[in-house]
């Protein structure tokens, strides 16, 4: 980027109204305050690619269910081989679509996220430089650069890779449930009975991990600020024999997180146990229900076709994939939600 382009970008950036009111609340739209038309074009491509990438993945299990269903009955070796070739071609086609849409979604959103974070960094630093000197008296100056880097990184991830994962997972879960309901409504309803405990367990897990990360970040950020200030004034500290006092301040900053991390660890363990237990039990129930439907020659409610190996495997795998990936949405939603405050 040339000097002229830098100057034009700086003039455009300064023309934006970046002075929020004292009680102004941020929104997800506010994270794109500095987005240009081309950025919205990339966002549109990224959204379409992410949702398509997610919608394609459950098709893998339809093809695999068809492959295993081809083993039923008195099929010749040649018929089995021909069926396997068709499934292989279908998987290769889906893999190509998956690769192209995956590349486009990540490339577009990461590019947009990096640009938004770049603009926010400029504005943060500009605001800090224009702040009243008395503002610095109430804060540890050494923590400011770390806070600036942390907050802008949250904005970059919320408008970049985390948004890709969220849209991809949403498209995949929606597609998976639609396929499962069409292929075997009754089996899907049985699997949905485990939805509250699986989602609740994974929510507790992600909440505990997030609390741990937040506690550690806050504690070590404070401790790092104390250490940096002490090292910057090491001669004064040594002259006044204040080494013991500084060590005590540093240890107290670290110890503040111990009790909170213990309770967060308990929630994480409980959530993991609950989520995984429900997940495994649902797997077993799906096997039993599918076998029972096949034995009773039960018909599904949507297509009015009898349950067979293909339907049973497809519904079970697609349902398992949907529930397994619900856990990916939780940390993404939390990070995007928390990034609202970073954009204030």
C-alpha atoms as a PDB file:
ATOM      1  CA  UNK A   1       0.000   0.000   0.000  1.00  0.00           C
ATOM      2  CA  UNK A   2       1.496   3.338  -1.089  1.00  0.00           C
ATOM      3  CA  UNK A   3       1.814   6.567   0.837  1.00  0.00           C
ATOM      4  CA  UNK A   4      -1.161   8.141  -0.960  1.00  0.00           C
ATOM      5  CA  UNK A   5      -3.380   5.176  -0.089  1.00  0.00           C
ATOM      6  CA  UNK A   6      -2.296   5.409   3.566  1.00  0.00           C
ATOM      7  CA  UNK A   7      -3.207   9.111   3.631  1.00  0.00           C
ATOM      8  CA  UNK A   8      -6.599   8.490   2.005  1.00  0.00           C
ATOM      9  CA  UNK A   9      -7.328   5.697   4.480  1.00  0.00           C
ATOM     10  CA  UNK A  10      -6.328   7.902   7.418  1.00  0.00           C
ATOM     11  CA  UNK A  11      -8.540  10.752   6.188  1.00  0.00           C
ATOM     12  CA  UNK A  12     -11.482   8.375   5.745  1.00  0.00           C
ATOM     13  CA  UNK A  13     -10.896   6.856   9.197  1.00  0.00           C
ATOM     14  CA  UNK A  14     -10.779  10.273  10.870  1.00  0.00           C
ATOM     15  CA  UNK A  15     -14.005  11.254   9.112  1.00  0.00           C
ATOM     16  CA  UNK A  16     -15.895   8.520  10.980  1.00  0.00           C
ATOM     17  CA  UNK A  17     -17.728   9.552  14.139  1.00  0.00           C
ATOM     18  CA  UNK A  18     -15.915   7.552  16.834  1.00  0.00           C
ATOM     19  CA  UNK A  19     -17.047   9.383  19.939  1.00  0.00           C
ATOM     20  CA  UNK A  20     -19.669   7.289  21.694  1.00  0.00           C
ATOM     21  CA  UNK A  21     -21.782   8.683  24.459  1.00  0.00           C
ATOM     22  CA  UNK A  22     -20.990   7.759  28.069  1.00  0.00           C
ATOM     23  CA  UNK A  23     -23.773   5.142  28.216  1.00  0.00           C
ATOM     24  CA  UNK A  24     -23.628   4.004  24.602  1.00  0.00           C
ATOM     25  CA  UNK A  25     -24.026   0.258  24.189  1.00  0.00           C
ATOM     26  CA  UNK A  26     -22.218  -1.643  21.504  1.00  0.00           C
ATOM     27  CA  UNK A  27     -23.786  -4.107  19.084  1.00  0.00           C
ATOM     28  CA  UNK A  28     -22.460  -6.703  16.673  1.00  0.00           C
ATOM     29  CA  UNK A  29     -23.125  -4.249  13.850  1.00  0.00           C
ATOM     30  CA  UNK A  30     -20.885  -1.785  15.689  1.00  0.00           C
ATOM     31  CA  UNK A  31     -17.900  -4.093  15.133  1.00  0.00           C
ATOM     32  CA  UNK A  32     -18.168  -3.208  11.431  1.00  0.00           C
ATOM     33  CA  UNK A  33     -18.148   0.553  12.020  1.00  0.00           C
ATOM     34  CA  UNK A  34     -15.121   0.922   9.737  1.00  0.00           C
ATOM     35  CA  UNK A  35     -16.238  -1.552   7.051  1.00  0.00           C
ATOM     36  CA  UNK A  36     -16.227  -0.370   3.453  1.00  0.00           C
ATOM     37  CA  UNK A  37     -18.443  -1.597   0.573  1.00  0.00           C
ATOM     38  CA  UNK A  38     -15.826  -4.133  -0.518  1.00  0.00           C
ATOM     39  CA  UNK A  39     -15.753  -5.506   3.044  1.00  0.00           C
ATOM     40  CA  UNK A  40     -19.509  -6.100   2.876  1.00  0.00           C
ATOM     41  CA  UNK A  41     -19.000  -7.863  -0.445  1.00  0.00           C
ATOM     42  CA  UNK A  42     -16.484 -10.179   1.233  1.00  0.00           C
ATOM     43  CA  UNK A  43     -18.887 -10.692   4.152  1.00  0.00           C
ATOM     44  CA  UNK A  44     -21.653 -11.744   1.733  1.00  0.00           C
ATOM     45  CA  UNK A  45     -19.361 -14.264   0.014  1.00  0.00           C
ATOM     46  CA  UNK A  46     -18.119 -15.492   3.397  1.00  0.00           C
ATOM     47  CA  UNK A  47     -21.654 -15.999   4.748  1.00  0.00           C
ATOM     48  CA  UNK A  48     -22.795 -17.920   1.678  1.00  0.00           C
ATOM     49  CA  UNK A  49     -19.632 -20.062   1.636  1.00  0.00           C
ATOM     50  CA  UNK A  50     -19.776 -20.832   5.374  1.00  0.00           C
ATOM     51  CA  UNK A  51     -23.432 -21.864   5.271  1.00  0.00           C
ATOM     52  CA  UNK A  52     -22.875 -23.953   2.127  1.00  0.00           C
ATOM     53  CA  UNK A  53     -19.850 -25.642   3.682  1.00  0.00           C
ATOM     54  CA  UNK A  54     -21.928 -26.536   6.729  1.00  0.00           C
ATOM     55  CA  UNK A  55     -24.914 -27.736   4.707  1.00  0.00           C
ATOM     56  CA  UNK A  56     -22.740 -30.034   2.564  1.00  0.00           C
ATOM     57  CA  UNK A  57     -21.111 -31.953   5.403  1.00  0.00           C
ATOM     58  CA  UNK A  58     -24.198 -33.994   6.479  1.00  0.00           C
ATOM     59  CA  UNK A  59     -24.436 -35.272   2.893  1.00  0.00           C
ATOM     60  CA  UNK A  60     -21.348 -37.377   3.624  1.00  0.00           C
ATOM     61  CA  UNK A  61     -23.416 -39.504   5.975  1.00  0.00           C
ATOM     62  CA  UNK A  62     -26.250 -39.921   3.478  1.00  0.00           C
ATOM     63  CA  UNK A  63     -23.756 -41.335   0.974  1.00  0.00           C
ATOM     64  CA  UNK A  64     -22.137 -43.561   3.581  1.00  0.00           C
ATOM     65  CA  UNK A  65     -25.561 -44.791   4.704  1.00  0.00           C
ATOM     66  CA  UNK A  66     -26.313 -45.638   1.080  1.00  0.00           C
ATOM     67  CA  UNK A  67     -23.014 -47.516   0.880  1.00  0.00           C
ATOM     68  CA  UNK A  68     -23.775 -49.673   3.916  1.00  0.00           C
ATOM     69  CA  UNK A  69     -27.346 -50.151   2.730  1.00  0.00           C
ATOM     70  CA  UNK A  70     -25.947 -51.579  -0.489  1.00  0.00           C
ATOM     71  CA  UNK A  71     -24.715 -54.558   1.514  1.00  0.00           C
ATOM     72  CA  UNK A  72     -28.277 -55.644   2.278  1.00  0.00           C
ATOM     73  CA  UNK A  73     -29.957 -58.474   0.423  1.00  0.00           C
ATOM     74  CA  UNK A  74     -28.479 -60.804  -2.168  1.00  0.00           C
ATOM     75  CA  UNK A  75     -26.261 -58.299  -3.950  1.00  0.00           C
ATOM     76  CA  UNK A  76     -23.550 -59.543  -6.284  1.00  0.00           C
ATOM     77  CA  UNK A  77     -19.955 -58.439  -5.993  1.00  0.00           C
ATOM     78  CA  UNK A  78     -20.333 -56.365  -9.157  1.00  0.00           C
ATOM     79  CA  UNK A  79     -23.417 -54.569  -7.826  1.00  0.00           C
ATOM     80  CA  UNK A  80     -21.603 -53.808  -4.574  1.00  0.00           C
ATOM     81  CA  UNK A  81     -18.609 -52.491  -6.522  1.00  0.00           C
ATOM     82  CA  UNK A  82     -20.799 -50.276  -8.738  1.00  0.00           C
ATOM     83  CA  UNK A  83     -22.561 -48.849  -5.680  1.00  0.00           C
ATOM     84  CA  UNK A  84     -19.205 -48.173  -4.012  1.00  0.00           C
ATOM     85  CA  UNK A  85     -17.989 -46.274  -7.110  1.00  0.00           C
ATOM     86  CA  UNK A  86     -21.090 -44.059  -7.102  1.00  0.00           C
ATOM     87  CA  UNK A  87     -20.629 -43.261  -3.414  1.00  0.00           C
ATOM     88  CA  UNK A  88     -16.948 -42.487  -4.034  1.00  0.00           C
ATOM     89  CA  UNK A  89     -17.797 -40.040  -6.835  1.00  0.00           C
ATOM     90  CA  UNK A  90     -20.414 -38.354  -4.651  1.00  0.00           C
ATOM     91  CA  UNK A  91     -17.941 -37.977  -1.768  1.00  0.00           C
ATOM     92  CA  UNK A  92     -15.280 -36.524  -4.088  1.00  0.00           C
ATOM     93  CA  UNK A  93     -17.788 -33.970  -5.435  1.00  0.00           C
ATOM     94  CA  UNK A  94     -18.777 -32.963  -1.896  1.00  0.00           C
ATOM     95  CA  UNK A  95     -15.114 -32.745  -0.886  1.00  0.00           C
ATOM     96  CA  UNK A  96     -14.421 -30.333  -3.759  1.00  0.00           C
ATOM     97  CA  UNK A  97     -17.386 -28.139  -2.800  1.00  0.00           C
ATOM     98  CA  UNK A  98     -16.290 -28.296   0.833  1.00  0.00           C
ATOM     99  CA  UNK A  99     -12.716 -27.275  -0.029  1.00  0.00           C
ATOM    100  CA  UNK A 100     -13.759 -24.350  -2.256  1.00  0.00           C
ATOM    101  CA  UNK A 101     -16.361 -22.947   0.133  1.00  0.00           C
ATOM    102  CA  UNK A 102     -14.044 -23.494   3.115  1.00  0.00           C
ATOM    103  CA  UNK A 103     -11.266 -21.519   1.438  1.00  0.00           C
ATOM    104  CA  UNK A 104     -13.591 -18.675   0.424  1.00  0.00           C
ATOM    105  CA  UNK A 105     -15.268 -18.386   3.838  1.00  0.00           C
ATOM    106  CA  UNK A 106     -12.028 -18.314   5.823  1.00  0.00           C
ATOM    107  CA  UNK A 107     -10.249 -16.029   3.376  1.00  0.00           C
ATOM    108  CA  UNK A 108     -13.091 -13.494   3.284  1.00  0.00           C
ATOM    109  CA  UNK A 109     -13.855 -13.328   7.003  1.00  0.00           C
ATOM    110  CA  UNK A 110     -10.231 -13.392   8.189  1.00  0.00           C
ATOM    111  CA  UNK A 111      -9.439 -10.566   5.771  1.00  0.00           C
ATOM    112  CA  UNK A 112     -12.384  -8.494   7.007  1.00  0.00           C
ATOM    113  CA  UNK A 113     -11.626  -9.284  10.675  1.00  0.00           C
ATOM    114  CA  UNK A 114      -7.988  -8.233  10.336  1.00  0.00           C
ATOM    115  CA  UNK A 115      -8.994  -4.934   8.709  1.00  0.00           C
ATOM    116  CA  UNK A 116     -11.579  -4.131  11.400  1.00  0.00           C
ATOM    117  CA  UNK A 117      -9.074  -4.870  14.158  1.00  0.00           C
ATOM    118  CA  UNK A 118      -6.504  -2.651  12.389  1.00  0.00           C
ATOM    119  CA  UNK A 119      -8.915   0.287  12.363  1.00  0.00           C
ATOM    120  CA  UNK A 120      -9.932  -0.258  15.995  1.00  0.00           C
ATOM    121  CA  UNK A 121      -6.268  -0.365  17.074  1.00  0.00           C
ATOM    122  CA  UNK A 122      -5.719   3.024  15.463  1.00  0.00           C
ATOM    123  CA  UNK A 123      -8.750   4.506  17.202  1.00  0.00           C
ATOM    124  CA  UNK A 124      -7.882   2.954  20.572  1.00  0.00           C
ATOM    125  CA  UNK A 125      -4.373   4.373  20.434  1.00  0.00           C
ATOM    126  CA  UNK A 126      -5.676   7.755  19.272  1.00  0.00           C
ATOM    127  CA  UNK A 127      -8.154   7.841  22.180  1.00  0.00           C
ATOM    128  CA  UNK A 128      -5.443   6.921  24.682  1.00  0.00           C
ATOM    129  CA  UNK A 129      -3.135   9.650  23.369  1.00  0.00           C
ATOM    130  CA  UNK A 130      -5.949  12.221  23.651  1.00  0.00           C
ATOM    131  CA  UNK A 131      -7.000  11.167  27.158  1.00  0.00           C
ATOM    132  CA  UNK A 132      -6.756  13.500  30.128  1.00  0.00           C
ATOM    133  CA  UNK A 133      -3.528  12.851  32.108  1.00  0.00           C
ATOM    134  CA  UNK A 134      -5.583  12.326  35.275  1.00  0.00           C
ATOM    135  CA  UNK A 135      -7.140   9.233  33.612  1.00  0.00           C
ATOM    136  CA  UNK A 136      -3.760   7.487  33.807  1.00  0.00           C
ATOM    137  CA  UNK A 137      -3.509   8.125  37.561  1.00  0.00           C
ATOM    138  CA  UNK A 138      -6.367   5.679  38.160  1.00  0.00           C
ATOM    139  CA  UNK A 139      -4.805   2.835  36.150  1.00  0.00           C
ATOM    140  CA  UNK A 140      -1.644   0.829  35.900  1.00  0.00           C
ATOM    141  CA  UNK A 141      -0.089   2.187  32.726  1.00  0.00           C
ATOM    142  CA  UNK A 142       1.711  -1.095  32.014  1.00  0.00           C
ATOM    143  CA  UNK A 143      -1.644  -2.891  31.618  1.00  0.00           C
ATOM    144  CA  UNK A 144      -2.915  -0.547  28.896  1.00  0.00           C
ATOM    145  CA  UNK A 145      -0.910  -2.032  25.947  1.00  0.00           C
ATOM    146  CA  UNK A 146      -1.940  -5.555  26.979  1.00  0.00           C
ATOM    147  CA  UNK A 147      -5.589  -4.543  27.253  1.00  0.00           C
ATOM    148  CA  UNK A 148      -5.431  -2.853  23.861  1.00  0.00           C
ATOM    149  CA  UNK A 149      -3.949  -5.981  22.244  1.00  0.00           C
ATOM    150  CA  UNK A 150      -6.430  -8.283  23.987  1.00  0.00           C
ATOM    151  CA  UNK A 151      -9.547  -6.260  23.123  1.00  0.00           C
ATOM    152  CA  UNK A 152      -8.627  -5.763  19.471  1.00  0.00           C
ATOM    153  CA  UNK A 153      -7.750  -9.461  19.145  1.00  0.00           C
ATOM    154  CA  UNK A 154     -11.267 -10.291  20.365  1.00  0.00           C
ATOM    155  CA  UNK A 155     -12.713  -8.007  17.685  1.00  0.00           C
ATOM    156  CA  UNK A 156     -10.510  -9.604  15.027  1.00  0.00           C
ATOM    157  CA  UNK A 157     -11.595 -13.123  15.992  1.00  0.00           C
ATOM    158  CA  UNK A 158     -15.286 -12.215  16.435  1.00  0.00           C
ATOM    159  CA  UNK A 159     -15.441 -10.706  12.953  1.00  0.00           C
ATOM    160  CA  UNK A 160     -13.105 -13.325  11.484  1.00  0.00           C
ATOM    161  CA  UNK A 161     -12.510 -17.004  12.205  1.00  0.00           C
ATOM    162  CA  UNK A 162     -15.101 -17.339  14.998  1.00  0.00           C
ATOM    163  CA  UNK A 163     -17.841 -16.027  12.732  1.00  0.00           C
ATOM    164  CA  UNK A 164     -16.819 -18.584  10.111  1.00  0.00           C
ATOM    165  CA  UNK A 165     -17.135 -21.399  12.665  1.00  0.00           C
ATOM    166  CA  UNK A 166     -20.486 -20.098  13.935  1.00  0.00           C
ATOM    167  CA  UNK A 167     -22.075 -19.840  10.471  1.00  0.00           C
ATOM    168  CA  UNK A 168     -20.569 -23.149   9.344  1.00  0.00           C
ATOM    169  CA  UNK A 169     -21.837 -24.929  12.448  1.00  0.00           C
ATOM    170  CA  UNK A 170     -25.287 -23.342  12.162  1.00  0.00           C
ATOM    171  CA  UNK A 171     -25.603 -24.436   8.534  1.00  0.00           C
ATOM    172  CA  UNK A 172     -24.406 -27.935   9.385  1.00  0.00           C
ATOM    173  CA  UNK A 173     -26.784 -28.382  12.356  1.00  0.00           C
ATOM    174  CA  UNK A 174     -29.770 -27.036  10.417  1.00  0.00           C
ATOM    175  CA  UNK A 175     -29.001 -29.261   7.419  1.00  0.00           C
ATOM    176  CA  UNK A 176     -28.409 -32.282   9.667  1.00  0.00           C
ATOM    177  CA  UNK A 177     -31.729 -31.940  11.483  1.00  0.00           C
ATOM    178  CA  UNK A 178     -33.652 -31.439   8.221  1.00  0.00           C
ATOM    179  CA  UNK A 179     -32.070 -34.587   6.756  1.00  0.00           C
ATOM    180  CA  UNK A 180     -32.661 -36.562   9.959  1.00  0.00           C
ATOM    181  CA  UNK A 181     -36.340 -35.558  10.161  1.00  0.00           C
ATOM    182  CA  UNK A 182     -36.946 -36.429   6.506  1.00  0.00           C
ATOM    183  CA  UNK A 183     -35.111 -39.762   6.676  1.00  0.00           C
ATOM    184  CA  UNK A 184     -36.473 -40.924  10.024  1.00  0.00           C
ATOM    185  CA  UNK A 185     -38.716 -38.644  12.043  1.00  0.00           C
ATOM    186  CA  UNK A 186     -39.358 -41.070  14.902  1.00  0.00           C
ATOM    187  CA  UNK A 187     -35.649 -41.828  15.449  1.00  0.00           C
ATOM    188  CA  UNK A 188     -34.831 -38.121  15.348  1.00  0.00           C
ATOM    189  CA  UNK A 189     -37.448 -37.361  18.009  1.00  0.00           C
ATOM    190  CA  UNK A 190     -35.930 -40.012  20.290  1.00  0.00           C
ATOM    191  CA  UNK A 191     -32.481 -38.460  19.772  1.00  0.00           C
ATOM    192  CA  UNK A 192     -33.855 -34.983  20.530  1.00  0.00           C
ATOM    193  CA  UNK A 193     -34.829 -36.166  24.015  1.00  0.00           C
ATOM    194  CA  UNK A 194     -31.127 -36.012  24.898  1.00  0.00           C
ATOM    195  CA  UNK A 195     -30.713 -32.496  23.500  1.00  0.00           C
ATOM    196  CA  UNK A 196     -31.160 -30.584  26.825  1.00  0.00           C
ATOM    197  CA  UNK A 197     -28.571 -32.621  28.746  1.00  0.00           C
ATOM    198  CA  UNK A 198     -26.030 -32.624  25.887  1.00  0.00           C
ATOM    199  CA  UNK A 199     -26.332 -28.881  25.260  1.00  0.00           C
ATOM    200  CA  UNK A 200     -26.438 -28.150  29.012  1.00  0.00           C
ATOM    201  CA  UNK A 201     -23.334 -30.241  29.625  1.00  0.00           C
ATOM    202  CA  UNK A 202     -21.347 -28.650  26.824  1.00  0.00           C
ATOM    203  CA  UNK A 203     -22.532 -25.209  27.945  1.00  0.00           C
ATOM    204  CA  UNK A 204     -21.201 -25.848  31.468  1.00  0.00           C
ATOM    205  CA  UNK A 205     -17.927 -27.085  29.991  1.00  0.00           C
ATOM    206  CA  UNK A 206     -17.424 -24.059  27.768  1.00  0.00           C
ATOM    207  CA  UNK A 207     -18.570 -21.688  30.502  1.00  0.00           C
ATOM    208  CA  UNK A 208     -16.056 -23.175  32.936  1.00  0.00           C
ATOM    209  CA  UNK A 209     -13.236 -23.010  30.381  1.00  0.00           C
ATOM    210  CA  UNK A 210     -14.134 -19.425  29.546  1.00  0.00           C
ATOM    211  CA  UNK A 211     -14.192 -18.440  33.216  1.00  0.00           C
ATOM    212  CA  UNK A 212     -10.803 -20.076  33.724  1.00  0.00           C
ATOM    213  CA  UNK A 213      -9.338 -18.222  30.758  1.00  0.00           C
ATOM    214  CA  UNK A 214     -10.839 -14.908  31.890  1.00  0.00           C
ATOM    215  CA  UNK A 215      -9.580 -15.339  35.467  1.00  0.00           C
ATOM    216  CA  UNK A 216      -6.093 -16.286  34.316  1.00  0.00           C
ATOM    217  CA  UNK A 217      -6.015 -13.407  31.830  1.00  0.00           C
ATOM    218  CA  UNK A 218      -7.117 -10.827  34.420  1.00  0.00           C
ATOM    219  CA  UNK A 219      -4.805 -12.152  37.116  1.00  0.00           C
ATOM    220  CA  UNK A 220      -1.688 -12.387  34.965  1.00  0.00           C
ATOM    221  CA  UNK A 221      -2.422  -9.097  33.261  1.00  0.00           C
ATOM    222  CA  UNK A 222      -2.424  -7.412  36.658  1.00  0.00           C
ATOM    223  CA  UNK A 223       0.666  -9.322  37.783  1.00  0.00           C
ATOM    224  CA  UNK A 224       2.446  -8.486  34.532  1.00  0.00           C
ATOM    225  CA  UNK A 225       1.691  -4.799  35.033  1.00  0.00           C
ATOM    226  CA  UNK A 226       3.133  -4.922  38.565  1.00  0.00           C
ATOM    227  CA  UNK A 227       6.263  -6.710  37.349  1.00  0.00           C
ATOM    228  CA  UNK A 228       6.772  -4.320  34.446  1.00  0.00           C
ATOM    229  CA  UNK A 229       6.449  -1.229  36.631  1.00  0.00           C
ATOM    230  CA  UNK A 230       8.810  -2.712  39.213  1.00  0.00           C
ATOM    231  CA  UNK A 231      11.425  -3.512  36.551  1.00  0.00           C
ATOM    232  CA  UNK A 232      11.112  -0.061  34.990  1.00  0.00           C
ATOM    233  CA  UNK A 233      11.795   1.494  38.416  1.00  0.00           C
ATOM    234  CA  UNK A 234      14.196  -1.202  39.612  1.00  0.00           C
ATOM    235  CA  UNK A 235      16.783   1.295  40.794  1.00  0.00           C
ATOM    236  CA  UNK A 236      14.209   3.116  42.927  1.00  0.00           C
ATOM    237  CA  UNK A 237      12.848  -0.168  44.286  1.00  0.00           C
ATOM    238  CA  UNK A 238      16.345  -1.350  45.199  1.00  0.00           C
ATOM    239  CA  UNK A 239      17.300   1.972  46.759  1.00  0.00           C
ATOM    240  CA  UNK A 240      14.191   1.979  48.969  1.00  0.00           C
ATOM    241  CA  UNK A 241      14.610  -1.743  49.738  1.00  0.00           C
ATOM    242  CA  UNK A 242      11.160  -2.438  48.299  1.00  0.00           C
ATOM    243  CA  UNK A 243      11.870  -5.830  46.721  1.00  0.00           C
ATOM    244  CA  UNK A 244       9.842  -7.706  49.335  1.00  0.00           C
ATOM    245  CA  UNK A 245       6.880  -5.375  48.937  1.00  0.00           C
ATOM    246  CA  UNK A 246       6.874  -5.773  45.151  1.00  0.00           C
ATOM    247  CA  UNK A 247       7.124  -9.565  45.438  1.00  0.00           C
ATOM    248  CA  UNK A 248       4.160  -9.574  47.811  1.00  0.00           C
ATOM    249  CA  UNK A 249       2.069  -7.479  45.413  1.00  0.00           C
ATOM    250  CA  UNK A 250       2.967  -9.826  42.560  1.00  0.00           C
ATOM    251  CA  UNK A 251       2.027 -12.967  44.531  1.00  0.00           C
ATOM    252  CA  UNK A 252      -1.264 -11.466  45.718  1.00  0.00           C
ATOM    253  CA  UNK A 253      -2.211 -10.669  42.119  1.00  0.00           C
ATOM    254  CA  UNK A 254      -1.600 -14.298  41.119  1.00  0.00           C
ATOM    255  CA  UNK A 255      -3.341 -15.831  44.144  1.00  0.00           C
ATOM    256  CA  UNK A 256      -6.551 -13.869  43.516  1.00  0.00           C
ATOM    257  CA  UNK A 257      -7.481 -16.347  40.808  1.00  0.00           C
ATOM    258  CA  UNK A 258      -7.010 -19.591  42.787  1.00  0.00           C
ATOM    259  CA  UNK A 259     -10.447 -19.900  44.440  1.00  0.00           C
ATOM    260  CA  UNK A 260     -12.347 -18.784  41.360  1.00  0.00           C
ATOM    261  CA  UNK A 261     -10.441 -21.211  39.150  1.00  0.00           C
ATOM    262  CA  UNK A 262     -11.327 -24.087  41.499  1.00  0.00           C
ATOM    263  CA  UNK A 263     -15.092 -23.465  41.204  1.00  0.00           C
ATOM    264  CA  UNK A 264     -14.780 -22.960  37.439  1.00  0.00           C
ATOM    265  CA  UNK A 265     -12.912 -26.279  37.240  1.00  0.00           C
ATOM    266  CA  UNK A 266     -15.765 -28.048  39.032  1.00  0.00           C
ATOM    267  CA  UNK A 267     -18.271 -26.690  36.500  1.00  0.00           C
ATOM    268  CA  UNK A 268     -16.047 -27.747  33.630  1.00  0.00           C
ATOM    269  CA  UNK A 269     -15.744 -31.298  34.956  1.00  0.00           C
ATOM    270  CA  UNK A 270     -19.462 -31.602  35.647  1.00  0.00           C
ATOM    271  CA  UNK A 271     -20.367 -30.292  32.206  1.00  0.00           C
ATOM    272  CA  UNK A 272     -17.952 -32.654  30.449  1.00  0.00           C
ATOM    273  CA  UNK A 273     -19.267 -35.666  32.370  1.00  0.00           C
ATOM    274  CA  UNK A 274     -22.915 -34.756  31.716  1.00  0.00           C
ATOM    275  CA  UNK A 275     -22.429 -33.979  28.025  1.00  0.00           C
ATOM    276  CA  UNK A 276     -20.329 -37.049  27.191  1.00  0.00           C
ATOM    277  CA  UNK A 277     -22.540 -39.417  29.216  1.00  0.00           C
ATOM    278  CA  UNK A 278     -25.664 -38.163  27.419  1.00  0.00           C
ATOM    279  CA  UNK A 279     -23.882 -38.357  24.079  1.00  0.00           C
ATOM    280  CA  UNK A 280     -22.849 -42.006  24.547  1.00  0.00           C
ATOM    281  CA  UNK A 281     -26.272 -43.038  25.909  1.00  0.00           C
ATOM    282  CA  UNK A 282     -27.969 -41.390  22.922  1.00  0.00           C
ATOM    283  CA  UNK A 283     -25.685 -43.388  20.623  1.00  0.00           C
ATOM    284  CA  UNK A 284     -26.785 -46.637  22.266  1.00  0.00           C
ATOM    285  CA  UNK A 285     -30.470 -45.688  22.226  1.00  0.00           C
ATOM    286  CA  UNK A 286     -30.253 -44.820  18.512  1.00  0.00           C
ATOM    287  CA  UNK A 287     -28.853 -48.309  17.779  1.00  0.00           C
ATOM    288  CA  UNK A 288     -31.623 -50.035  19.720  1.00  0.00           C
ATOM    289  CA  UNK A 289     -34.468 -47.883  18.338  1.00  0.00           C
ATOM    290  CA  UNK A 290     -33.216 -48.282  14.757  1.00  0.00           C
ATOM    291  CA  UNK A 291     -32.950 -52.066  15.096  1.00  0.00           C
ATOM    292  CA  UNK A 292     -36.418 -52.227  16.680  1.00  0.00           C
ATOM    293  CA  UNK A 293     -37.957 -50.195  13.830  1.00  0.00           C
ATOM    294  CA  UNK A 294     -36.325 -52.465  11.241  1.00  0.00           C
ATOM    295  CA  UNK A 295     -37.543 -55.575  13.054  1.00  0.00           C
ATOM    296  CA  UNK A 296     -41.120 -54.215  13.298  1.00  0.00           C
ATOM    297  CA  UNK A 297     -41.048 -53.002   9.676  1.00  0.00           C
ATOM    298  CA  UNK A 298     -41.884 -49.486  10.892  1.00  0.00           C
ATOM    299  CA  UNK A 299     -42.465 -46.729   8.288  1.00  0.00           C
ATOM    300  CA  UNK A 300     -41.110 -43.206   8.687  1.00  0.00           C
ATOM    301  CA  UNK A 301     -43.654 -40.400   8.909  1.00  0.00           C
ATOM    302  CA  UNK A 302     -42.336 -38.109   6.159  1.00  0.00           C
ATOM    303  CA  UNK A 303     -41.385 -40.337   3.207  1.00  0.00           C
ATOM    304  CA  UNK A 304     -43.619 -43.225   4.331  1.00  0.00           C
ATOM    305  CA  UNK A 305     -40.839 -45.716   3.626  1.00  0.00           C
ATOM    306  CA  UNK A 306     -39.848 -48.685   5.811  1.00  0.00           C
ATOM    307  CA  UNK A 307     -36.829 -48.310   8.071  1.00  0.00           C
ATOM    308  CA  UNK A 308     -33.736 -50.103   6.784  1.00  0.00           C
ATOM    309  CA  UNK A 309     -29.992 -50.049   7.427  1.00  0.00           C
ATOM    310  CA  UNK A 310     -29.529 -46.964   5.230  1.00  0.00           C
ATOM    311  CA  UNK A 311     -32.109 -44.888   7.126  1.00  0.00           C
ATOM    312  CA  UNK A 312     -30.940 -46.046  10.537  1.00  0.00           C
ATOM    313  CA  UNK A 313     -27.254 -45.308   9.903  1.00  0.00           C
ATOM    314  CA  UNK A 314     -28.003 -41.970   8.224  1.00  0.00           C
ATOM    315  CA  UNK A 315     -30.256 -40.683  11.020  1.00  0.00           C
ATOM    316  CA  UNK A 316     -27.939 -41.906  13.770  1.00  0.00           C
ATOM    317  CA  UNK A 317     -24.741 -40.431  12.295  1.00  0.00           C
ATOM    318  CA  UNK A 318     -26.354 -37.156  11.223  1.00  0.00           C
ATOM    319  CA  UNK A 319     -27.918 -36.699  14.686  1.00  0.00           C
ATOM    320  CA  UNK A 320     -24.640 -37.497  16.419  1.00  0.00           C
ATOM    321  CA  UNK A 321     -22.808 -35.008  14.192  1.00  0.00           C
ATOM    322  CA  UNK A 322     -25.364 -32.275  14.901  1.00  0.00           C
ATOM    323  CA  UNK A 323     -25.244 -32.715  18.684  1.00  0.00           C
ATOM    324  CA  UNK A 324     -21.466 -33.055  18.709  1.00  0.00           C
ATOM    325  CA  UNK A 325     -21.010 -29.762  16.870  1.00  0.00           C
ATOM    326  CA  UNK A 326     -23.510 -27.811  18.949  1.00  0.00           C
ATOM    327  CA  UNK A 327     -20.672 -27.417  21.460  1.00  0.00           C
ATOM    328  CA  UNK A 328     -18.705 -25.451  18.830  1.00  0.00           C
ATOM    329  CA  UNK A 329     -21.373 -22.746  18.727  1.00  0.00           C
ATOM    330  CA  UNK A 330     -21.268 -21.929  22.438  1.00  0.00           C
ATOM    331  CA  UNK A 331     -17.706 -20.488  22.701  1.00  0.00           C
ATOM    332  CA  UNK A 332     -18.137 -18.648  19.388  1.00  0.00           C
ATOM    333  CA  UNK A 333     -21.363 -16.993  20.538  1.00  0.00           C
ATOM    334  CA  UNK A 334     -19.779 -16.070  23.880  1.00  0.00           C
ATOM    335  CA  UNK A 335     -16.707 -14.532  22.244  1.00  0.00           C
ATOM    336  CA  UNK A 336     -18.815 -12.565  19.758  1.00  0.00           C
ATOM    337  CA  UNK A 337     -21.065 -11.372  22.601  1.00  0.00           C
ATOM    338  CA  UNK A 338     -18.118 -10.254  24.727  1.00  0.00           C
ATOM    339  CA  UNK A 339     -16.475  -8.564  21.757  1.00  0.00           C
ATOM    340  CA  UNK A 340     -19.373  -6.062  21.716  1.00  0.00           C
ATOM    341  CA  UNK A 341     -17.837  -4.344  24.730  1.00  0.00           C
ATOM    342  CA  UNK A 342     -14.451  -4.300  23.014  1.00  0.00           C
ATOM    343  CA  UNK A 343     -15.924  -2.219  20.212  1.00  0.00           C
ATOM    344  CA  UNK A 344     -17.359   0.480  22.490  1.00  0.00           C
END
